Amino acid sequence: MKEIESLDKELKEQKNVILQISNLAALRSLIKPPESNWWWYFSSRWDNWDWLWNGLTIAALAVSLSLVVNTSSRILSGGANSENTLYVVGQSVLTLMAGGGALTQIGHKSYEKILIQLHIPKEFWQETSCGLSWLLMVSLFGINATLPSWAHRVNRNGLENFDNRRVESAKADFQRAIAMRPNYGEAYYNLGWLYEELNDLDKAKVQYEVAVQSDPQRFDSGITYVKALNNLGRLYVIKKDYGTAVRLLSQGVERAGAISLQDNAGGRDDYYNLLKNLGWARFMQERYDDAEAKLAIAIKVNPDRSAAYCLLAQVLEAKSPKDSPNNKAKALGAWTKCASKATPSDLAKPEDDNWHGLANKRLNETVSSDNSNKDTSKEK
């Protein structure tokens, strides 16, 4: 027994030499010695830190799981399609494989076989598992970070769907873009515009409200931010909250000046709409001089649109007695241009159609009045 004890002691002193055998783990797996043969199961100094690596592995897997849930919910928020489903399934499978290998007995055994085949020493198995778990976590962080740029493509796809009258698909795309990038003003505006086209003004107003509260830099184009202010201001005019409408529309005019919208051929109509709606709000406030000034600028910006003429005619009628010859002539000229310059796009909004109908009514009244005056002259 003393001799065996001495030999055991001598064998233990050769621990570091034995651990240096590169295929020790493979041999142990092949021979499958009992655990009583302790010389097959020497632990290295690295094993003393296994508790730390296991803890870090579990932490990384927990974070990875939360990232998968967060990313998946944002990607699938507008509904599932083949692309985003494959994307979600891929990252979920990777996380489940990593979690199964680290946390379940069957997965752990399969993982060990792979490590043995890769000739990774046993004392580094926990470190390897920890490294792979953190690599997965970093990869998922990277995927999560790409969602804002992906949102831009989804938003553009929504515009294409709407142009092709695939309304539900467009709505899902805009909602998905917002989920991917919660501060994406462009997508909020597009969703509000979609609701407005569907005549759901309350939902449109909610989306426009969020859009105008976004940083203008969060829009793909500075013009879109101005459009959001204009559209929201118009909805407030319709709801008869003229003070809020004036504030939003004035902010839009100021922003338009900052980006020189009036000098941009593509933004001329947007600048015109701002001024026209601001003149409309001032008219409803009975601030006729201010309304006339804004409408005059709108007409100067685009003299080929009819709405500003329609509003100007109403302002001129309200500003002074209708029987004033000078005022009557100006109003009649504005009503004439209101009726003659109307195009299908000018009649797209309900108020535009109403104003056009009012213009025809005024012109008919004028014609009837002129004919009546002629008949009276003949009788005399």
Protein backbone atom coordinates (compact mmCIF):
# COMPACT_ATOMS: atom_id res chain seq x y z
CA MET A 1 0.00 0.00 0.00
CA LYS A 2 2.89 2.30 0.77
CA GLU A 3 4.40 1.50 -2.60
CA ILE A 4 1.07 2.18 -4.35
CA GLU A 5 0.74 5.44 -2.47
CA SER A 6 4.26 6.42 -3.53
CA LEU A 7 3.53 5.58 -7.14
CA ASP A 8 0.27 7.53 -7.00
CA LYS A 9 2.14 10.51 -5.69
CA GLU A 10 4.72 10.20 -8.43
CA LEU A 11 1.97 9.91 -11.04
CA LYS A 12 0.23 13.02 -9.70
CA GLU A 13 3.49 14.92 -10.07
CA GLN A 14 3.35 14.09 -13.79
CA LYS A 15 -0.05 15.78 -14.11
CA ASN A 16 1.14 18.63 -16.33
CA VAL A 17 2.94 16.21 -18.64
CA ILE A 18 -0.16 14.04 -18.98
CA LEU A 19 -2.37 17.07 -19.68
CA GLN A 20 -0.10 18.05 -22.56
CA ILE A 21 -1.09 14.94 -24.51
CA SER A 22 -3.00 16.44 -27.44
CA ASN A 23 -5.36 13.53 -27.99
CA LEU A 24 -6.02 12.75 -24.33
CA ALA A 25 -9.71 13.60 -24.60
CA ALA A 26 -10.06 11.47 -27.71
CA LEU A 27 -8.33 8.53 -26.03
CA ARG A 28 -10.50 8.93 -22.94
CA SER A 29 -13.62 8.90 -25.13
CA LEU A 30 -12.40 5.77 -26.90
CA ILE A 31 -11.35 3.79 -23.84
CA LYS A 32 -14.06 5.12 -21.51
CA PRO A 33 -12.15 4.45 -18.30
CA PRO A 34 -14.13 4.47 -15.01
CA GLU A 35 -13.91 7.61 -12.92
CA SER A 36 -11.99 5.61 -10.28
CA ASN A 37 -9.08 5.71 -12.75
CA TRP A 38 -8.43 9.25 -11.70
CA TRP A 39 -5.25 9.63 -13.78
CA TRP A 40 -7.48 9.89 -16.88
CA TYR A 41 -9.37 12.80 -15.38
CA PHE A 42 -6.79 15.33 -14.27
CA SER A 43 -8.18 18.86 -14.07
CA SER A 44 -6.05 21.76 -15.30
CA ARG A 45 -5.70 25.16 -13.66
CA TRP A 46 -8.12 26.44 -16.28
CA ASP A 47 -10.86 24.30 -14.78
CA ASN A 48 -10.79 26.44 -11.65
CA TRP A 49 -12.46 29.22 -13.63
CA ASP A 50 -15.17 27.09 -15.21
CA TRP A 51 -17.81 28.64 -12.94
CA LEU A 52 -17.00 32.06 -14.37
CA TRP A 53 -17.16 30.93 -17.99
CA ASN A 54 -20.43 29.08 -17.37
CA GLY A 55 -21.92 32.20 -15.79
CA LEU A 56 -20.83 34.38 -18.71
CA THR A 57 -22.26 31.82 -21.14
CA ILE A 58 -25.66 31.88 -19.44
CA ALA A 59 -25.63 35.70 -19.36
CA ALA A 60 -24.82 35.89 -23.08
CA LEU A 61 -27.57 33.40 -23.92
CA ALA A 62 -30.10 35.35 -21.83
CA VAL A 63 -29.23 38.57 -23.65
CA SER A 64 -29.34 36.74 -26.99
CA LEU A 65 -32.80 35.41 -26.24
CA SER A 66 -34.10 38.88 -25.37
CA LEU A 67 -32.59 40.25 -28.59
CA VAL A 68 -34.28 37.52 -30.62
CA VAL A 69 -37.65 38.33 -29.02
CA ASN A 70 -37.17 42.08 -29.56
CA THR A 71 -35.99 41.78 -33.15
CA SER A 72 -38.62 39.21 -34.09
CA SER A 73 -41.49 41.27 -32.71
CA ARG A 74 -40.31 44.34 -34.62
CA ILE A 75 -39.77 42.48 -37.90
CA LEU A 76 -43.10 40.67 -37.73
CA SER A 77 -45.11 43.67 -36.45
CA GLY A 78 -46.75 44.34 -39.81
CA GLY A 79 -47.38 40.65 -40.58
CA ALA A 80 -45.24 37.78 -41.80
CA ASN A 81 -43.86 37.18 -45.26
CA SER A 82 -41.29 34.73 -46.60
CA GLU A 83 -38.35 37.10 -46.15
CA ASN A 84 -38.89 38.25 -42.59
CA THR A 85 -40.06 34.79 -41.46
CA LEU A 86 -36.84 33.21 -42.72
CA TYR A 87 -34.88 35.96 -41.02
CA VAL A 88 -36.57 35.35 -37.66
CA VAL A 89 -36.39 31.56 -37.89
CA GLY A 90 -32.66 31.68 -38.70
CA GLN A 91 -31.64 33.71 -35.67
CA SER A 92 -34.02 31.78 -33.43
CA VAL A 93 -32.55 28.42 -34.47
CA LEU A 94 -29.01 29.64 -33.83
CA THR A 95 -29.97 30.83 -30.35
CA LEU A 96 -31.80 27.59 -29.51
CA MET A 97 -28.84 25.51 -30.71
CA ALA A 98 -26.45 27.51 -28.57
CA GLY A 99 -28.77 27.35 -25.57
CA GLY A 100 -29.39 23.65 -26.02
CA GLY A 101 -25.69 22.90 -26.23
CA ALA A 102 -24.94 24.83 -23.06
CA LEU A 103 -27.99 24.11 -20.90
CA THR A 104 -29.35 20.65 -21.78
CA GLN A 105 -27.74 17.25 -21.17
CA ILE A 106 -28.35 15.92 -24.69
CA GLY A 107 -27.13 19.13 -26.24
CA HIS A 108 -24.09 19.13 -23.98
CA LYS A 109 -23.09 15.60 -25.05
CA SER A 110 -23.48 16.48 -28.73
CA TYR A 111 -21.45 19.62 -28.16
CA GLU A 112 -18.68 17.61 -26.47
CA LYS A 113 -18.47 15.24 -29.44
CA ILE A 114 -17.98 18.19 -31.77
CA LEU A 115 -15.25 19.64 -29.55
CA ILE A 116 -13.48 16.29 -29.43
CA GLN A 117 -13.59 16.02 -33.21
CA LEU A 118 -12.10 19.50 -33.40
CA HIS A 119 -9.29 18.39 -31.05
CA ILE A 120 -10.05 21.12 -28.52
CA PRO A 121 -8.60 20.23 -25.09
CA LYS A 122 -11.23 19.58 -22.43
CA GLU A 123 -9.90 22.28 -20.14
CA PHE A 124 -10.89 24.85 -22.78
CA TRP A 125 -14.39 23.56 -23.44
CA GLN A 126 -16.12 26.06 -21.14
CA GLU A 127 -14.06 28.90 -22.58
CA THR A 128 -14.98 27.81 -26.11
CA SER A 129 -18.67 27.61 -25.22
CA CYS A 130 -18.52 31.06 -23.64
CA GLY A 131 -16.77 32.53 -26.66
CA LEU A 132 -19.35 31.11 -29.07
CA SER A 133 -22.22 32.38 -26.91
CA TRP A 134 -20.78 35.89 -26.85
CA LEU A 135 -20.12 35.74 -30.58
CA LEU A 136 -23.79 34.88 -31.08
CA MET A 137 -24.83 37.74 -28.82
CA VAL A 138 -22.65 40.25 -30.69
CA SER A 139 -24.05 38.98 -34.01
CA LEU A 140 -27.61 39.49 -32.78
CA PHE A 141 -26.70 42.99 -31.61
CA GLY A 142 -25.43 43.63 -35.13
CA ILE A 143 -28.68 42.34 -36.65
CA ASN A 144 -30.67 44.54 -34.27
CA ALA A 145 -28.55 47.55 -35.23
CA THR A 146 -29.29 47.04 -38.95
CA LEU A 147 -33.05 47.35 -38.46
CA PRO A 148 -33.14 51.16 -38.97
CA SER A 149 -31.46 50.85 -42.38
CA TRP A 150 -33.74 47.96 -43.24
CA ALA A 151 -36.71 50.17 -42.29
CA HIS A 152 -35.83 52.52 -45.17
CA ARG A 153 -36.20 49.71 -47.70
CA VAL A 154 -39.45 48.51 -46.14
CA ASN A 155 -40.84 52.06 -46.27
CA ARG A 156 -39.98 52.36 -49.96
CA ASN A 157 -41.68 49.01 -50.56
CA GLY A 158 -44.78 50.39 -48.82
CA LEU A 159 -44.87 53.35 -51.21
CA GLU A 160 -44.61 51.00 -54.16
CA ASN A 161 -47.45 48.87 -52.81
CA PHE A 162 -49.64 51.92 -52.31
CA ASP A 163 -48.94 53.18 -55.83
CA ASN A 164 -50.17 49.80 -57.07
CA ARG A 165 -53.28 50.04 -54.83
CA ARG A 166 -52.16 47.23 -52.53
CA VAL A 167 -53.37 49.22 -49.54
CA GLU A 168 -53.18 46.55 -46.84
CA SER A 169 -49.68 45.54 -47.89
CA ALA A 170 -48.62 49.18 -47.88
CA LYS A 171 -50.06 49.70 -44.40
CA ALA A 172 -48.23 46.61 -43.11
CA ASP A 173 -44.96 47.86 -44.61
CA PHE A 174 -45.29 51.30 -43.00
CA GLN A 175 -46.14 49.76 -39.63
CA ARG A 176 -43.18 47.38 -39.92
CA ALA A 177 -40.85 50.27 -40.81
CA ILE A 178 -42.03 52.15 -37.71
CA ALA A 179 -41.47 49.07 -35.53
CA MET A 180 -37.96 48.66 -36.92
CA ARG A 181 -37.18 52.35 -36.47
CA PRO A 182 -39.50 53.95 -33.88
CA ASN A 183 -38.27 57.51 -34.60
CA TYR A 184 -38.67 57.20 -38.39
CA GLY A 185 -40.70 60.30 -39.25
CA GLU A 186 -40.95 59.39 -42.93
CA ALA A 187 -42.87 56.17 -42.20
CA TYR A 188 -45.22 57.95 -39.77
CA TYR A 189 -46.01 60.52 -42.44
CA ASN A 190 -46.63 57.85 -45.09
CA LEU A 191 -48.94 55.91 -42.77
CA GLY A 192 -50.85 59.12 -41.96
CA TRP A 193 -51.11 59.93 -45.65
CA LEU A 194 -52.46 56.40 -46.30
CA TYR A 195 -55.14 56.84 -43.62
CA GLU A 196 -56.04 60.25 -45.05
CA GLU A 197 -56.47 58.72 -48.50
CA LEU A 198 -58.82 56.19 -46.87
CA ASN A 199 -60.68 59.16 -45.31
CA ASP A 200 -59.84 57.97 -41.78
CA LEU A 201 -58.86 61.45 -40.63
CA ASP A 202 -58.58 60.64 -36.92
CA LYS A 203 -55.97 57.93 -37.50
CA ALA A 204 -54.21 60.14 -40.03
CA LYS A 205 -54.02 62.94 -37.48
CA VAL A 206 -52.41 60.63 -34.91
CA GLN A 207 -49.66 59.59 -37.34
CA TYR A 208 -49.02 63.17 -38.48
CA GLU A 209 -48.76 64.28 -34.84
CA VAL A 210 -45.98 61.77 -34.21
CA ALA A 211 -44.29 62.67 -37.50
CA VAL A 212 -44.06 66.41 -36.76
CA GLN A 213 -42.70 65.67 -33.28
CA SER A 214 -39.79 63.77 -34.84
CA ASP A 215 -36.45 65.36 -35.54
CA PRO A 216 -36.53 66.67 -39.14
CA GLN A 217 -33.28 64.78 -39.65
CA ARG A 218 -35.24 61.53 -39.15
CA PHE A 219 -36.96 62.06 -42.50
CA ASP A 220 -35.55 60.82 -45.80
CA SER A 221 -36.34 64.26 -47.24
CA GLY A 222 -36.78 67.66 -45.64
CA ILE A 223 -39.81 68.18 -47.90
CA THR A 224 -41.64 65.31 -46.19
CA TYR A 225 -41.38 67.08 -42.82
CA VAL A 226 -42.96 70.18 -44.38
CA LYS A 227 -45.71 68.01 -45.91
CA ALA A 228 -46.46 66.51 -42.50
CA LEU A 229 -46.85 70.00 -40.98
CA ASN A 230 -49.07 71.07 -43.86
CA ASN A 231 -51.32 68.00 -43.78
CA LEU A 232 -51.71 68.16 -40.01
CA GLY A 233 -52.45 71.89 -40.19
CA ARG A 234 -55.16 71.24 -42.77
CA LEU A 235 -56.78 68.61 -40.52
CA TYR A 236 -56.85 71.12 -37.67
CA VAL A 237 -58.58 73.64 -39.95
CA ILE A 238 -61.19 71.00 -40.77
CA LYS A 239 -61.64 70.37 -37.04
CA LYS A 240 -62.01 74.15 -36.54
CA ASP A 241 -58.97 74.42 -34.27
CA TYR A 242 -57.64 77.38 -36.21
CA GLY A 243 -55.05 78.51 -33.67
CA THR A 244 -53.23 75.16 -33.73
CA ALA A 245 -53.55 75.06 -37.50
CA VAL A 246 -51.91 78.49 -37.86
CA ARG A 247 -49.08 77.47 -35.53
CA LEU A 248 -48.32 74.30 -37.51
CA LEU A 249 -48.64 75.93 -40.92
CA SER A 250 -46.48 78.90 -39.88
CA GLN A 251 -43.88 76.43 -38.65
CA GLY A 252 -44.08 74.75 -42.04
CA VAL A 253 -43.56 78.03 -43.88
CA GLU A 254 -40.56 78.79 -41.68
CA ARG A 255 -39.10 75.34 -42.31
CA ALA A 256 -39.77 75.70 -46.05
CA GLY A 257 -37.78 78.92 -46.04
CA ALA A 258 -34.90 77.22 -44.22
CA ILE A 259 -34.58 74.57 -46.94
CA SER A 260 -35.41 77.03 -49.78
CA LEU A 261 -38.46 75.00 -50.75
CA GLN A 262 -39.84 77.84 -52.86
CA ASP A 263 -36.77 77.61 -55.11
CA ASN A 264 -37.20 73.86 -55.60
CA ALA A 265 -39.30 72.93 -58.64
CA GLY A 266 -40.35 69.68 -56.96
CA GLY A 267 -41.38 71.48 -53.79
CA ARG A 268 -43.29 74.37 -55.34
CA ASP A 269 -46.69 72.74 -54.90
CA ASP A 270 -45.89 71.91 -51.28
CA TYR A 271 -45.00 75.53 -50.59
CA TYR A 272 -48.18 76.61 -52.37
CA ASN A 273 -50.28 74.25 -50.22
CA LEU A 274 -48.75 75.65 -47.03
CA LEU A 275 -49.58 79.23 -47.96
CA LYS A 276 -53.04 78.33 -49.24
CA ASN A 277 -53.93 76.45 -46.06
CA LEU A 278 -52.49 79.23 -43.90
CA GLY A 279 -54.64 81.73 -45.81
CA TRP A 280 -57.63 79.42 -45.28
CA ALA A 281 -57.01 79.27 -41.51
CA ARG A 282 -56.68 83.08 -41.31
CA PHE A 283 -59.89 83.46 -43.34
CA MET A 284 -61.74 81.23 -40.88
CA GLN A 285 -60.35 83.41 -38.06
CA GLU A 286 -61.81 86.42 -39.93
CA ARG A 287 -58.35 87.95 -40.23
CA TYR A 288 -59.03 88.95 -43.80
CA ASP A 289 -56.00 91.16 -44.52
CA ASP A 290 -53.58 88.47 -43.38
CA ALA A 291 -55.54 85.83 -45.30
CA GLU A 292 -55.48 87.94 -48.48
CA ALA A 293 -51.73 88.48 -48.17
CA LYS A 294 -50.99 84.76 -47.77
CA LEU A 295 -53.27 83.79 -50.63
CA ALA A 296 -51.70 86.41 -52.89
CA ILE A 297 -48.26 84.86 -52.23
CA ALA A 298 -49.66 81.38 -52.90
CA ILE A 299 -51.04 82.54 -56.25
CA LYS A 300 -47.69 84.08 -57.10
CA VAL A 301 -45.93 80.79 -56.28
CA ASN A 302 -48.27 78.82 -58.55
CA PRO A 303 -50.81 80.83 -60.55
CA ASP A 304 -52.13 77.70 -62.26
CA ARG A 305 -53.79 76.17 -59.18
CA SER A 306 -57.41 77.04 -58.39
CA ALA A 307 -57.85 76.65 -54.59
CA ALA A 308 -56.11 79.90 -53.64
CA TYR A 309 -58.34 81.84 -56.10
CA CYS A 310 -61.42 80.20 -54.55
CA LEU A 311 -60.38 81.26 -51.07
CA LEU A 312 -59.33 84.72 -52.20
CA ALA A 313 -62.77 85.30 -53.73
CA GLN A 314 -64.40 84.38 -50.41
CA VAL A 315 -62.03 86.66 -48.51
CA LEU A 316 -62.81 89.57 -50.85
CA GLU A 317 -66.55 89.00 -50.43
CA ALA A 318 -66.24 88.89 -46.64
CA LYS A 319 -63.83 91.81 -46.43
CA SER A 320 -66.16 94.55 -47.64
CA PRO A 321 -69.83 94.91 -48.70
CA LYS A 322 -70.76 92.76 -51.68
CA ASP A 323 -72.35 95.71 -53.44
CA SER A 324 -69.01 97.54 -53.59
CA PRO A 325 -68.25 97.73 -57.33
CA ASN A 326 -64.49 97.44 -56.92
CA ASN A 327 -64.72 94.52 -54.50
CA LYS A 328 -67.37 92.82 -56.63
CA ALA A 329 -65.12 93.01 -59.70
CA LYS A 330 -62.12 91.55 -57.82
CA ALA A 331 -64.18 88.77 -56.33
CA LEU A 332 -65.71 87.95 -59.71
CA GLY A 333 -62.23 87.76 -61.26
CA ALA A 334 -61.09 85.40 -58.52
CA TRP A 335 -64.23 83.24 -58.88
CA THR A 336 -63.66 83.04 -62.63
CA LYS A 337 -60.09 81.77 -62.16
CA CYS A 338 -61.26 79.42 -59.42
CA ALA A 339 -63.64 77.77 -61.89
CA SER A 340 -61.46 77.92 -65.00
CA LYS A 341 -58.21 76.63 -63.50
CA ALA A 342 -59.70 73.64 -61.67
CA THR A 343 -58.12 70.31 -62.61
CA PRO A 344 -58.87 66.79 -61.25
CA SER A 345 -55.98 67.17 -58.80
CA ASP A 346 -57.42 70.52 -57.65
CA LEU A 347 -60.71 68.82 -56.83
CA ALA A 348 -59.18 65.89 -54.91
CA LYS A 349 -60.02 67.29 -51.47
CA PRO A 350 -63.65 67.72 -50.33
CA GLU A 351 -63.18 71.42 -49.58
CA ASP A 352 -61.78 72.02 -53.09
CA ASP A 353 -64.88 70.50 -54.65
CA ASN A 354 -67.12 72.63 -52.42
CA TRP A 355 -65.26 75.79 -53.38
CA HIS A 356 -65.50 74.90 -57.06
CA GLY A 357 -69.26 74.40 -56.68
CA LEU A 358 -69.49 77.77 -54.92
CA ALA A 359 -67.56 79.40 -57.77
CA ASN A 360 -70.03 78.05 -60.36
CA LYS A 361 -72.90 79.24 -58.20
CA ARG A 362 -71.46 82.77 -57.94
CA LEU A 363 -70.77 82.93 -61.67
CA ASN A 364 -74.29 81.73 -62.48
CA GLU A 365 -75.71 84.35 -60.13
CA THR A 366 -73.65 87.00 -61.91
CA VAL A 367 -74.87 85.85 -65.33
CA SER A 368 -78.49 85.81 -64.14
CA SER A 369 -78.07 89.27 -62.65
CA ASP A 370 -76.58 90.63 -65.88
CA ASN A 371 -79.40 89.12 -67.95
CA SER A 372 -81.97 90.60 -65.57
CA ASN A 373 -80.35 94.02 -65.86
CA LYS A 374 -80.43 93.77 -69.69
CA ASP A 375 -84.09 92.86 -69.67
CA THR A 376 -84.88 95.78 -67.38
CA SER A 377 -82.99 98.16 -69.70
CA LYS A 378 -84.96 96.93 -72.67
CA GLU A 379 -88.24 97.42 -70.90
CA LYS A 380 -87.27 100.99 -70.06
